[in-house]
Amino acid sequence: MKLRRWKTGIGFFVFVVSFSLFVSCDSLKAFMARDLEDEDFIIGQLYVDEMVDETPVIARPVNKPSGSQTGKNPLGLTYSADDNMALYEAINSWLGVPYKYGGTDRNGIDCSAFVGTIYKQVYGISLNRTANDMLRNVNLISKAQLREGDLVFFTNSKGKVSHVGIYLKDELFAHSSTSNGVSVSRLDNTYWKKHFYKGGRVKGR
């Protein structure tokens, strides 16, 4: 009799433990998923764009005639026969669109999505989604080697590559800035000069 009770008790214990593990399995998975999401979020914060207080060179679309006759390109900059007019026109069409972390459209767009959109439209080249990942799409070059269409990379205060833009000419680059949205800024701006990482020439262009 005692042996039977002992076996019954052991069986009930095993059933309870097994049932508890079964019931908690989804909870455990949910916990693990949240933990991984939190880890991704924390890692992601290392690469987040910082708020930059600056006055951009161009912040709104330029609605003036352009070309050799006017001496101006679509961004209102001094015209040159070497200018890629399609590039300047594409950038001009996005000027003034607000910055939005993770954004990919005209309601709000972040730096890497803006660069990727312009590159796909103008050059037919697909780039990686984030600024840091775009480093794999380029051959790194110095600031002195920059030419129209090259990418320019910047680090944040954590030393991580967190921002990217498209170099134009004369120290000017187009990007989606946290403070001004899609705009044109100068590389010799105090912040951008300090945080400039490298230029990048996209492979295959």
N, C-alpha and C. Protein backbone atom coordinates (compact mmCIF):
# COMPACT_ATOMS: atom_id res chain seq x y z
N MET A 1 0.83 -1.21 0.00
CA MET A 1 0.00 0.00 0.00
C MET A 1 0.87 1.26 0.00
N LYS A 2 1.88 1.31 0.91
CA LYS A 2 2.76 2.48 0.98
C LYS A 2 3.52 2.66 -0.34
N LEU A 3 3.96 1.54 -0.94
CA LEU A 3 4.70 1.61 -2.20
C LEU A 3 3.80 2.18 -3.29
N ARG A 4 2.52 1.78 -3.29
CA ARG A 4 1.60 2.27 -4.30
C ARG A 4 1.37 3.77 -4.13
N ARG A 5 1.22 4.21 -2.86
CA ARG A 5 1.03 5.65 -2.59
C ARG A 5 2.27 6.43 -3.05
N TRP A 6 3.43 5.84 -2.78
CA TRP A 6 4.69 6.50 -3.13
C TRP A 6 4.79 6.68 -4.65
N LYS A 7 4.42 5.60 -5.40
CA LYS A 7 4.44 5.67 -6.86
C LYS A 7 3.42 6.68 -7.38
N THR A 8 2.24 6.69 -6.75
CA THR A 8 1.20 7.64 -7.14
C THR A 8 1.68 9.08 -6.93
N GLY A 9 2.33 9.29 -5.77
CA GLY A 9 2.84 10.63 -5.45
C GLY A 9 3.90 11.07 -6.44
N ILE A 10 4.81 10.15 -6.77
CA ILE A 10 5.87 10.46 -7.75
C ILE A 10 5.25 10.79 -9.11
N GLY A 11 4.27 10.01 -9.50
CA GLY A 11 3.61 10.23 -10.79
C GLY A 11 2.93 11.58 -10.84
N PHE A 12 2.25 11.94 -9.74
CA PHE A 12 1.57 13.24 -9.68
C PHE A 12 2.58 14.37 -9.75
N PHE A 13 3.71 14.21 -9.06
CA PHE A 13 4.76 15.24 -9.05
C PHE A 13 5.31 15.45 -10.46
N VAL A 14 5.58 14.32 -11.15
CA VAL A 14 6.10 14.41 -12.52
C VAL A 14 5.08 15.09 -13.43
N PHE A 15 3.81 14.78 -13.23
CA PHE A 15 2.76 15.39 -14.04
C PHE A 15 2.70 16.90 -13.82
N VAL A 16 2.78 17.33 -12.57
CA VAL A 16 2.72 18.75 -12.23
C VAL A 16 3.90 19.49 -12.85
N VAL A 17 5.09 18.91 -12.68
CA VAL A 17 6.29 19.56 -13.22
C VAL A 17 6.21 19.66 -14.74
N SER A 18 5.82 18.56 -15.38
CA SER A 18 5.72 18.54 -16.84
C SER A 18 4.70 19.56 -17.33
N PHE A 19 3.56 19.61 -16.64
CA PHE A 19 2.50 20.55 -17.02
C PHE A 19 2.97 21.99 -16.85
N SER A 20 3.69 22.24 -15.77
CA SER A 20 4.20 23.59 -15.51
C SER A 20 5.18 24.02 -16.59
N LEU A 21 6.04 23.08 -16.99
CA LEU A 21 7.01 23.40 -18.04
C LEU A 21 6.29 23.66 -19.36
N PHE A 22 5.25 22.86 -19.63
CA PHE A 22 4.49 23.03 -20.86
C PHE A 22 3.81 24.38 -20.87
N VAL A 23 3.16 24.72 -19.75
CA VAL A 23 2.43 25.98 -19.65
C VAL A 23 3.38 27.17 -19.76
N SER A 24 4.54 27.04 -19.15
CA SER A 24 5.47 28.18 -19.10
C SER A 24 6.33 28.29 -20.35
N CYS A 25 6.22 27.31 -21.25
CA CYS A 25 7.08 27.31 -22.44
C CYS A 25 6.87 28.57 -23.27
N ASP A 26 5.58 28.92 -23.52
CA ASP A 26 5.29 30.12 -24.30
C ASP A 26 5.76 31.37 -23.58
N SER A 27 5.59 31.37 -22.26
CA SER A 27 6.05 32.52 -21.48
C SER A 27 7.56 32.67 -21.57
N LEU A 28 8.24 31.51 -21.52
CA LEU A 28 9.69 31.53 -21.62
C LEU A 28 10.13 32.05 -22.98
N LYS A 29 9.45 31.58 -24.02
CA LYS A 29 9.77 32.05 -25.36
C LYS A 29 9.54 33.54 -25.48
N ALA A 30 8.41 34.00 -24.90
CA ALA A 30 8.09 35.42 -24.96
C ALA A 30 9.14 36.23 -24.22
N PHE A 31 9.57 35.71 -23.07
CA PHE A 31 10.60 36.40 -22.30
C PHE A 31 11.91 36.49 -23.09
N MET A 32 12.27 35.36 -23.70
CA MET A 32 13.50 35.34 -24.48
C MET A 32 13.42 36.30 -25.67
N ALA A 33 12.23 36.32 -26.30
CA ALA A 33 12.06 37.22 -27.44
C ALA A 33 12.19 38.67 -27.01
N ARG A 34 11.57 39.00 -25.87
CA ARG A 34 11.67 40.37 -25.35
C ARG A 34 13.10 40.70 -25.01
N ASP A 35 13.80 39.72 -24.44
CA ASP A 35 15.18 39.95 -24.05
C ASP A 35 16.05 40.22 -25.28
N LEU A 36 15.80 39.44 -26.35
CA LEU A 36 16.57 39.64 -27.58
C LEU A 36 16.22 40.98 -28.22
N GLU A 37 14.93 41.36 -28.15
CA GLU A 37 14.53 42.66 -28.68
C GLU A 37 15.20 43.78 -27.91
N ASP A 38 15.24 43.62 -26.59
CA ASP A 38 15.90 44.62 -25.76
C ASP A 38 17.37 44.72 -26.11
N GLU A 39 18.00 43.56 -26.34
CA GLU A 39 19.42 43.55 -26.69
C GLU A 39 19.63 44.25 -28.03
N ASP A 40 18.76 43.97 -29.00
CA ASP A 40 18.87 44.63 -30.30
C ASP A 40 18.68 46.13 -30.15
N PHE A 41 17.71 46.49 -29.27
CA PHE A 41 17.46 47.92 -29.04
C PHE A 41 18.68 48.60 -28.44
N ILE A 42 19.26 47.94 -27.42
CA ILE A 42 20.43 48.52 -26.75
C ILE A 42 21.60 48.66 -27.72
N ILE A 43 21.83 47.61 -28.52
CA ILE A 43 22.90 47.66 -29.52
C ILE A 43 22.60 48.75 -30.54
N GLY A 44 21.31 48.82 -30.93
CA GLY A 44 20.91 49.82 -31.91
C GLY A 44 21.18 51.24 -31.45
N GLN A 45 21.05 51.47 -30.14
CA GLN A 45 21.27 52.82 -29.62
C GLN A 45 22.71 53.27 -29.79
N LEU A 46 23.63 52.34 -29.92
CA LEU A 46 25.04 52.70 -30.13
C LEU A 46 25.23 53.37 -31.49
N TYR A 47 24.31 53.08 -32.41
CA TYR A 47 24.46 53.57 -33.78
C TYR A 47 23.43 54.64 -34.13
N VAL A 48 22.73 55.15 -33.14
CA VAL A 48 21.68 56.12 -33.39
C VAL A 48 22.26 57.48 -33.75
N ASP A 49 21.59 58.16 -34.69
CA ASP A 49 21.97 59.52 -35.04
C ASP A 49 21.80 60.45 -33.84
N GLU A 50 22.66 61.44 -33.75
CA GLU A 50 22.57 62.42 -32.68
C GLU A 50 21.95 63.71 -33.20
N MET A 51 21.32 64.45 -32.30
CA MET A 51 20.76 65.74 -32.66
C MET A 51 21.90 66.72 -32.90
N VAL A 52 21.92 67.30 -34.09
CA VAL A 52 22.99 68.23 -34.46
C VAL A 52 22.39 69.61 -34.69
N ASP A 53 22.86 70.57 -33.93
CA ASP A 53 22.37 71.93 -34.06
C ASP A 53 23.20 72.65 -35.12
N GLU A 54 22.61 72.86 -36.29
CA GLU A 54 23.34 73.51 -37.38
C GLU A 54 22.37 74.27 -38.28
N THR A 55 22.89 75.18 -39.03
CA THR A 55 22.13 75.88 -40.05
C THR A 55 22.56 75.32 -41.40
N PRO A 56 21.69 74.56 -42.06
CA PRO A 56 22.09 73.94 -43.32
C PRO A 56 22.28 74.96 -44.43
N VAL A 57 23.03 74.56 -45.44
CA VAL A 57 23.24 75.43 -46.60
C VAL A 57 21.96 75.52 -47.43
N ILE A 58 21.31 74.37 -47.61
CA ILE A 58 20.04 74.31 -48.34
C ILE A 58 19.10 73.41 -47.55
N ALA A 59 17.89 73.92 -47.28
CA ALA A 59 16.95 73.13 -46.47
C ALA A 59 15.59 72.96 -47.13
N ARG A 60 15.36 73.67 -48.23
CA ARG A 60 14.07 73.60 -48.91
C ARG A 60 14.29 73.42 -50.40
N PRO A 61 13.32 72.84 -51.11
CA PRO A 61 13.49 72.64 -52.56
C PRO A 61 13.77 73.95 -53.29
N VAL A 62 14.62 73.87 -54.28
CA VAL A 62 14.96 75.04 -55.10
C VAL A 62 14.11 75.00 -56.36
N ASN A 63 13.23 75.99 -56.50
CA ASN A 63 12.32 76.02 -57.64
C ASN A 63 12.73 77.12 -58.62
N LYS A 64 13.90 76.94 -59.20
CA LYS A 64 14.42 77.91 -60.16
C LYS A 64 14.98 77.16 -61.37
N PRO A 65 14.97 77.81 -62.53
CA PRO A 65 15.54 77.16 -63.73
C PRO A 65 17.00 76.79 -63.51
N SER A 66 17.41 75.70 -64.11
CA SER A 66 18.79 75.26 -63.96
C SER A 66 19.35 74.85 -65.31
N GLY A 67 20.66 74.78 -65.37
CA GLY A 67 21.32 74.37 -66.60
C GLY A 67 22.43 75.32 -66.97
N SER A 68 23.08 75.04 -68.07
CA SER A 68 24.22 75.85 -68.47
C SER A 68 23.83 77.30 -68.75
N GLN A 69 22.57 77.51 -69.22
CA GLN A 69 22.15 78.87 -69.53
C GLN A 69 22.00 79.74 -68.28
N THR A 70 21.59 79.10 -67.19
CA THR A 70 21.36 79.86 -65.95
C THR A 70 22.60 79.91 -65.08
N GLY A 71 23.54 78.99 -65.32
CA GLY A 71 24.74 78.94 -64.48
C GLY A 71 24.50 78.28 -63.15
N LYS A 72 23.32 77.66 -62.99
CA LYS A 72 22.98 77.00 -61.73
C LYS A 72 22.53 75.57 -62.00
N ASN A 73 22.84 74.67 -61.05
CA ASN A 73 22.31 73.31 -61.16
C ASN A 73 21.00 73.23 -60.38
N PRO A 74 20.31 72.08 -60.38
CA PRO A 74 19.00 72.01 -59.74
C PRO A 74 18.97 72.37 -58.25
N LEU A 75 20.11 72.36 -57.56
CA LEU A 75 20.13 72.76 -56.15
C LEU A 75 20.48 74.24 -55.99
N GLY A 76 20.61 74.93 -57.11
CA GLY A 76 20.94 76.34 -57.04
C GLY A 76 22.42 76.60 -56.86
N LEU A 77 23.23 75.54 -56.95
CA LEU A 77 24.67 75.69 -56.83
C LEU A 77 25.26 76.03 -58.19
N THR A 78 26.47 76.53 -58.20
CA THR A 78 27.13 76.89 -59.46
C THR A 78 27.18 75.70 -60.40
N TYR A 79 26.67 75.90 -61.60
CA TYR A 79 26.59 74.82 -62.58
C TYR A 79 27.96 74.43 -63.10
N SER A 80 28.15 73.13 -63.30
CA SER A 80 29.35 72.61 -63.94
C SER A 80 28.92 71.52 -64.92
N ALA A 81 29.63 71.44 -66.03
CA ALA A 81 29.31 70.42 -67.03
C ALA A 81 29.49 69.01 -66.46
N ASP A 82 30.24 68.91 -65.38
CA ASP A 82 30.48 67.60 -64.75
C ASP A 82 29.37 67.21 -63.78
N ASP A 83 28.46 68.13 -63.48
CA ASP A 83 27.39 67.83 -62.54
C ASP A 83 26.49 66.72 -63.07
N ASN A 84 26.17 65.77 -62.20
CA ASN A 84 25.19 64.74 -62.53
C ASN A 84 23.82 65.34 -62.23
N MET A 85 23.16 65.86 -63.25
CA MET A 85 21.91 66.59 -63.06
C MET A 85 20.83 65.70 -62.43
N ALA A 86 20.83 64.42 -62.78
CA ALA A 86 19.84 63.50 -62.21
C ALA A 86 20.01 63.39 -60.70
N LEU A 87 21.25 63.40 -60.24
CA LEU A 87 21.53 63.32 -58.80
C LEU A 87 21.01 64.56 -58.10
N TYR A 88 21.31 65.73 -58.64
CA TYR A 88 20.88 66.98 -58.02
C TYR A 88 19.36 67.14 -58.04
N GLU A 89 18.75 66.70 -59.13
CA GLU A 89 17.29 66.78 -59.23
C GLU A 89 16.63 65.86 -58.21
N ALA A 90 17.17 64.66 -58.06
CA ALA A 90 16.61 63.70 -57.11
C ALA A 90 16.71 64.23 -55.68
N ILE A 91 17.86 64.79 -55.34
CA ILE A 91 18.06 65.34 -53.99
C ILE A 91 17.12 66.52 -53.77
N ASN A 92 17.01 67.39 -54.77
CA ASN A 92 16.15 68.56 -54.65
C ASN A 92 14.71 68.17 -54.36
N SER A 93 14.27 67.06 -54.95
CA SER A 93 12.88 66.62 -54.76
C SER A 93 12.60 66.13 -53.34
N TRP A 94 13.68 65.84 -52.58
CA TRP A 94 13.51 65.36 -51.21
C TRP A 94 13.79 66.44 -50.16
N LEU A 95 14.32 67.55 -50.56
CA LEU A 95 14.66 68.59 -49.59
C LEU A 95 13.45 69.00 -48.75
N GLY A 96 13.66 69.13 -47.45
CA GLY A 96 12.59 69.54 -46.55
C GLY A 96 11.80 68.40 -45.94
N VAL A 97 11.98 67.17 -46.46
CA VAL A 97 11.30 66.02 -45.84
C VAL A 97 11.88 65.81 -44.45
N PRO A 98 11.05 65.69 -43.42
CA PRO A 98 11.57 65.60 -42.05
C PRO A 98 12.33 64.30 -41.76
N TYR A 99 13.20 64.38 -40.78
CA TYR A 99 13.93 63.18 -40.33
C TYR A 99 13.01 62.33 -39.46
N LYS A 100 13.08 61.04 -39.66
CA LYS A 100 12.37 60.10 -38.79
C LYS A 100 13.19 58.84 -38.68
N TYR A 101 13.57 58.48 -37.46
CA TYR A 101 14.37 57.27 -37.25
C TYR A 101 13.59 56.06 -37.73
N GLY A 102 14.15 55.31 -38.65
CA GLY A 102 13.47 54.15 -39.22
C GLY A 102 12.54 54.48 -40.36
N GLY A 103 12.38 55.79 -40.66
CA GLY A 103 11.47 56.21 -41.72
C GLY A 103 12.05 55.96 -43.10
N THR A 104 11.16 55.71 -44.06
CA THR A 104 11.62 55.37 -45.42
C THR A 104 10.85 56.11 -46.51
N ASP A 105 10.00 57.06 -46.12
CA ASP A 105 9.20 57.73 -47.16
C ASP A 105 9.14 59.24 -46.90
N ARG A 106 8.30 59.94 -47.64
CA ARG A 106 8.25 61.39 -47.57
C ARG A 106 7.56 61.92 -46.32
N ASN A 107 6.98 61.03 -45.54
CA ASN A 107 6.44 61.45 -44.25
C ASN A 107 7.55 61.57 -43.21
N GLY A 108 8.70 61.02 -43.51
CA GLY A 108 9.85 61.05 -42.60
C GLY A 108 10.83 59.98 -43.02
N ILE A 109 12.11 60.34 -43.07
CA ILE A 109 13.11 59.40 -43.57
C ILE A 109 14.41 59.56 -42.79
N ASP A 110 15.11 58.48 -42.52
CA ASP A 110 16.39 58.59 -41.82
C ASP A 110 17.52 58.66 -42.83
N CYS A 111 18.74 58.84 -42.33
CA CYS A 111 19.87 59.13 -43.22
C CYS A 111 20.16 58.00 -44.20
N SER A 112 20.17 56.77 -43.71
CA SER A 112 20.54 55.65 -44.59
C SER A 112 19.44 55.35 -45.60
N ALA A 113 18.19 55.51 -45.20
CA ALA A 113 17.09 55.28 -46.15
C ALA A 113 17.12 56.33 -47.25
N PHE A 114 17.44 57.57 -46.89
CA PHE A 114 17.54 58.63 -47.89
C PHE A 114 18.65 58.32 -48.89
N VAL A 115 19.83 57.97 -48.38
CA VAL A 115 20.96 57.65 -49.25
C VAL A 115 20.61 56.45 -50.14
N GLY A 116 20.02 55.42 -49.55
CA GLY A 116 19.65 54.23 -50.31
C GLY A 116 18.64 54.54 -51.40
N THR A 117 17.66 55.39 -51.09
CA THR A 117 16.63 55.76 -52.06
C THR A 117 17.23 56.52 -53.24
N ILE A 118 18.07 57.49 -52.94
CA ILE A 118 18.72 58.27 -54.01
C ILE A 118 19.61 57.38 -54.86
N TYR A 119 20.36 56.50 -54.22
CA TYR A 119 21.28 55.63 -54.98
C TYR A 119 20.52 54.69 -55.90
N LYS A 120 19.43 54.16 -55.43
CA LYS A 120 18.63 53.26 -56.26
C LYS A 120 18.04 54.02 -57.43
N GLN A 121 17.55 55.23 -57.19
CA GLN A 121 16.91 56.02 -58.23
C GLN A 121 17.91 56.52 -59.28
N VAL A 122 19.06 57.02 -58.82
CA VAL A 122 20.01 57.66 -59.73
C VAL A 122 20.97 56.66 -60.37
N TYR A 123 21.47 55.73 -59.57
CA TYR A 123 22.50 54.82 -60.07
C TYR A 123 22.01 53.39 -60.28
N GLY A 124 20.80 53.09 -59.81
CA GLY A 124 20.29 51.73 -59.95
C GLY A 124 21.02 50.73 -59.07
N ILE A 125 21.60 51.21 -57.98
CA ILE A 125 22.38 50.35 -57.07
C ILE A 125 21.66 50.25 -55.72
N SER A 126 21.51 49.04 -55.21
CA SER A 126 20.90 48.81 -53.90
C SER A 126 21.98 48.78 -52.83
N LEU A 127 21.79 49.54 -51.78
CA LEU A 127 22.73 49.59 -50.67
C LEU A 127 22.15 48.94 -49.43
N ASN A 128 22.99 48.59 -48.49
CA ASN A 128 22.52 48.05 -47.22
C ASN A 128 21.69 49.10 -46.48
N ARG A 129 20.91 48.65 -45.51
CA ARG A 129 19.90 49.52 -44.90
C ARG A 129 20.46 50.54 -43.91
N THR A 130 21.48 50.20 -43.14
CA THR A 130 21.95 51.13 -42.12
C THR A 130 23.28 51.76 -42.52
N ALA A 131 23.58 52.91 -41.90
CA ALA A 131 24.84 53.60 -42.20
C ALA A 131 26.04 52.70 -41.94
N ASN A 132 26.03 52.02 -40.81
CA ASN A 132 27.14 51.15 -40.46
C ASN A 132 27.29 50.00 -41.45
N ASP A 133 26.16 49.42 -41.88
CA ASP A 133 26.20 48.31 -42.82
C ASP A 133 26.61 48.76 -44.22
N MET A 134 26.39 50.04 -44.54
CA MET A 134 26.79 50.55 -45.85
C MET A 134 28.30 50.57 -46.03
N LEU A 135 29.02 50.47 -44.94
CA LEU A 135 30.48 50.40 -45.04
C LEU A 135 30.91 49.21 -45.88
N ARG A 136 30.06 48.17 -45.90
CA ARG A 136 30.39 46.97 -46.68
C ARG A 136 30.13 47.17 -48.18
N ASN A 137 29.42 48.25 -48.52
CA ASN A 137 29.12 48.53 -49.92
C ASN A 137 30.19 49.39 -50.60
N VAL A 138 31.18 49.84 -49.83
CA VAL A 138 32.11 50.83 -50.38
C VAL A 138 33.57 50.44 -50.19
N ASN A 139 34.41 51.12 -50.94
CA ASN A 139 35.84 51.13 -50.68
C ASN A 139 36.13 52.46 -49.99
N LEU A 140 36.70 52.39 -48.80
CA LEU A 140 36.93 53.60 -48.02
C LEU A 140 37.98 54.48 -48.67
N ILE A 141 37.74 55.80 -48.62
CA ILE A 141 38.66 56.77 -49.19
C ILE A 141 38.80 57.94 -48.23
N SER A 142 39.79 58.77 -48.47
CA SER A 142 40.01 59.93 -47.60
C SER A 142 39.12 61.09 -48.05
N LYS A 143 39.03 62.11 -47.21
CA LYS A 143 38.24 63.28 -47.56
C LYS A 143 38.79 63.95 -48.83
N ALA A 144 40.10 63.94 -48.98
CA ALA A 144 40.72 64.59 -50.14
C ALA A 144 40.37 63.88 -51.45
N GLN A 145 39.96 62.62 -51.37
CA GLN A 145 39.64 61.84 -52.57
C GLN A 145 38.17 61.92 -52.97
N LEU A 146 37.36 62.60 -52.18
CA LEU A 146 35.92 62.62 -52.43
C LEU A 146 35.59 63.25 -53.77
N ARG A 147 34.60 62.64 -54.43
CA ARG A 147 34.06 63.22 -55.65
C ARG A 147 32.55 63.00 -55.64
N GLU A 148 31.87 63.68 -56.53
CA GLU A 148 30.41 63.63 -56.57
C GLU A 148 29.88 62.19 -56.53
N GLY A 149 28.91 61.97 -55.64
CA GLY A 149 28.27 60.66 -55.54
C GLY A 149 28.88 59.73 -54.52
N ASP A 150 30.06 60.07 -54.01
CA ASP A 150 30.66 59.25 -52.96
C ASP A 150 29.84 59.39 -51.67
N LEU A 151 29.96 58.39 -50.81
CA LEU A 151 29.29 58.46 -49.52
C LEU A 151 30.23 59.08 -48.49
N VAL A 152 29.65 59.75 -47.51
CA VAL A 152 30.44 60.30 -46.40
C VAL A 152 29.85 59.75 -45.10
N PHE A 153 30.73 59.21 -44.26
CA PHE A 153 30.32 58.55 -43.03
C PHE A 153 30.78 59.37 -41.81
N PHE A 154 29.93 59.34 -40.78
CA PHE A 154 30.23 60.09 -39.56
C PHE A 154 29.97 59.21 -38.34
N THR A 155 30.72 59.46 -37.29
CA THR A 155 30.52 58.74 -36.03
C THR A 155 29.73 59.60 -35.06
N ASN A 156 29.11 58.94 -34.07
CA ASN A 156 28.46 59.68 -33.00
C ASN A 156 29.43 59.80 -31.83
N SER A 157 28.94 60.32 -30.71
CA SER A 157 29.81 60.54 -29.55
C SER A 157 30.30 59.23 -28.94
N LYS A 158 29.67 58.11 -29.33
CA LYS A 158 30.10 56.79 -28.84
C LYS A 158 31.17 56.18 -29.75
N GLY A 159 31.52 56.92 -30.81
CA GLY A 159 32.55 56.43 -31.73
C GLY A 159 32.04 55.43 -32.75
N LYS A 160 30.72 55.27 -32.85
CA LYS A 160 30.14 54.33 -33.82
C LYS A 160 29.71 55.07 -35.08
N VAL A 161 29.89 54.45 -36.24
CA VAL A 161 29.42 55.03 -37.48
C VAL A 161 27.89 55.03 -37.45
N SER A 162 27.32 56.22 -37.42
CA SER A 162 25.88 56.33 -37.21
C SER A 162 25.19 57.20 -38.23
N HIS A 163 25.95 57.84 -39.11
CA HIS A 163 25.34 58.78 -40.05
C HIS A 163 26.04 58.68 -41.40
N VAL A 164 25.24 58.88 -42.46
CA VAL A 164 25.79 58.79 -43.82
C VAL A 164 25.10 59.83 -44.70
N GLY A 165 25.85 60.35 -45.65
CA GLY A 165 25.31 61.29 -46.60
C GLY A 165 25.94 61.07 -47.96
N ILE A 166 25.55 61.90 -48.94
CA ILE A 166 26.08 61.80 -50.30
C ILE A 166 26.87 63.07 -50.60
N TYR A 167 28.13 62.88 -50.96
CA TYR A 167 28.97 64.04 -51.26
C TYR A 167 28.58 64.64 -52.60
N LEU A 168 28.57 65.98 -52.66
CA LEU A 168 28.24 66.68 -53.89
C LEU A 168 29.50 67.32 -54.48
N LYS A 169 29.89 68.44 -53.93
CA LYS A 169 31.12 69.13 -54.35
C LYS A 169 31.36 70.30 -53.41
N ASP A 170 32.56 70.86 -53.46
CA ASP A 170 32.88 72.06 -52.69
C ASP A 170 32.55 71.92 -51.21
N GLU A 171 32.87 70.75 -50.63
CA GLU A 171 32.65 70.50 -49.20
C GLU A 171 31.17 70.32 -48.84
N LEU A 172 30.31 70.17 -49.81
CA LEU A 172 28.87 70.04 -49.57
C LEU A 172 28.43 68.59 -49.67
N PHE A 173 27.49 68.21 -48.82
CA PHE A 173 26.92 66.86 -48.90
C PHE A 173 25.44 66.91 -48.55
N ALA A 174 24.68 65.99 -49.13
CA ALA A 174 23.24 65.88 -48.88
C ALA A 174 22.99 64.74 -47.92
N HIS A 175 22.04 64.94 -47.02
CA HIS A 175 21.74 63.91 -46.02
C HIS A 175 20.40 64.20 -45.38
N SER A 176 19.95 63.27 -44.55
CA SER A 176 18.77 63.51 -43.72
C SER A 176 19.27 63.74 -42.31
N SER A 177 19.20 64.99 -41.89
CA SER A 177 19.72 65.40 -40.59
C SER A 177 18.64 65.33 -39.52
N THR A 178 19.04 64.93 -38.31
CA THR A 178 18.08 64.83 -37.21
C THR A 178 17.39 66.17 -36.93
N SER A 179 18.10 67.26 -37.13
CA SER A 179 17.55 68.58 -36.79
C SER A 179 16.86 69.28 -37.96
N ASN A 180 17.25 68.93 -39.20
CA ASN A 180 16.72 69.66 -40.35
C ASN A 180 16.07 68.78 -41.42
N GLY A 181 16.08 67.48 -41.22
CA GLY A 181 15.54 66.60 -42.25
C GLY A 181 16.46 66.59 -43.45
N VAL A 182 15.92 66.31 -44.62
CA VAL A 182 16.74 66.25 -45.83
C VAL A 182 17.23 67.65 -46.17
N SER A 183 18.53 67.80 -46.24
CA SER A 183 19.14 69.11 -46.43
C SER A 183 20.55 68.94 -46.96
N VAL A 184 21.18 70.07 -47.24
CA VAL A 184 22.57 70.08 -47.70
C VAL A 184 23.41 70.81 -46.66
N SER A 185 24.48 70.17 -46.22
CA SER A 185 25.35 70.74 -45.19
C SER A 185 26.79 70.79 -45.68
N ARG A 186 27.64 71.40 -44.86
CA ARG A 186 29.06 71.51 -45.19
C ARG A 186 29.90 70.56 -44.33
N LEU A 187 30.88 69.96 -44.96
CA LEU A 187 31.78 69.07 -44.22
C LEU A 187 32.63 69.84 -43.21
N ASP A 188 32.83 71.13 -43.46
CA ASP A 188 33.65 71.90 -42.53
C ASP A 188 32.84 72.52 -41.39
N ASN A 189 31.55 72.14 -41.30
CA ASN A 189 30.77 72.49 -40.11
C ASN A 189 31.46 71.88 -38.88
N THR A 190 31.44 72.58 -37.75
CA THR A 190 32.18 72.13 -36.56
C THR A 190 31.87 70.68 -36.19
N TYR A 191 30.58 70.33 -36.14
CA TYR A 191 30.20 68.96 -35.74
C TYR A 191 30.65 67.95 -36.79
N TRP A 192 30.32 68.21 -38.07
CA TRP A 192 30.62 67.22 -39.11
C TRP A 192 32.12 67.06 -39.30
N LYS A 193 32.85 68.13 -39.15
CA LYS A 193 34.31 68.05 -39.27
C LYS A 193 34.89 67.18 -38.17
N LYS A 194 34.38 67.34 -36.96
CA LYS A 194 34.88 66.57 -35.81
C LYS A 194 34.52 65.10 -35.92
N HIS A 195 33.34 64.81 -36.44
CA HIS A 195 32.83 63.44 -36.45
C HIS A 195 32.99 62.73 -37.80
N PHE A 196 33.64 63.37 -38.77
CA PHE A 196 33.86 62.73 -40.06
C PHE A 196 34.70 61.47 -39.85
N TYR A 197 34.24 60.37 -40.45
CA TYR A 197 34.94 59.09 -40.32
C TYR A 197 35.76 58.79 -41.58
N LYS A 198 35.07 58.55 -42.67
CA LYS A 198 35.72 58.25 -43.94
C LYS A 198 34.75 58.55 -45.08
N GLY A 199 35.32 58.70 -46.27
CA GLY A 199 34.49 58.70 -47.45
C GLY A 199 34.38 57.27 -47.95
N GLY A 200 33.40 57.03 -48.82
CA GLY A 200 33.24 55.69 -49.36
C GLY A 200 32.83 55.73 -50.82
N ARG A 201 33.58 55.08 -51.66
CA ARG A 201 33.22 54.97 -53.07
C ARG A 201 32.49 53.66 -53.28
N VAL A 202 31.23 53.76 -53.69
CA VAL A 202 30.40 52.57 -53.81
C VAL A 202 30.95 51.62 -54.87
N LYS A 203 31.06 50.37 -54.47
CA LYS A 203 31.58 49.35 -55.38
C LYS A 203 30.64 49.18 -56.58
N GLY A 204 31.22 49.14 -57.75
CA GLY A 204 30.42 48.92 -58.96
C GLY A 204 29.86 50.17 -59.58
N ARG A 205 30.16 51.35 -59.01
CA ARG A 205 29.65 52.59 -59.60
C ARG A 205 30.72 53.21 -60.51
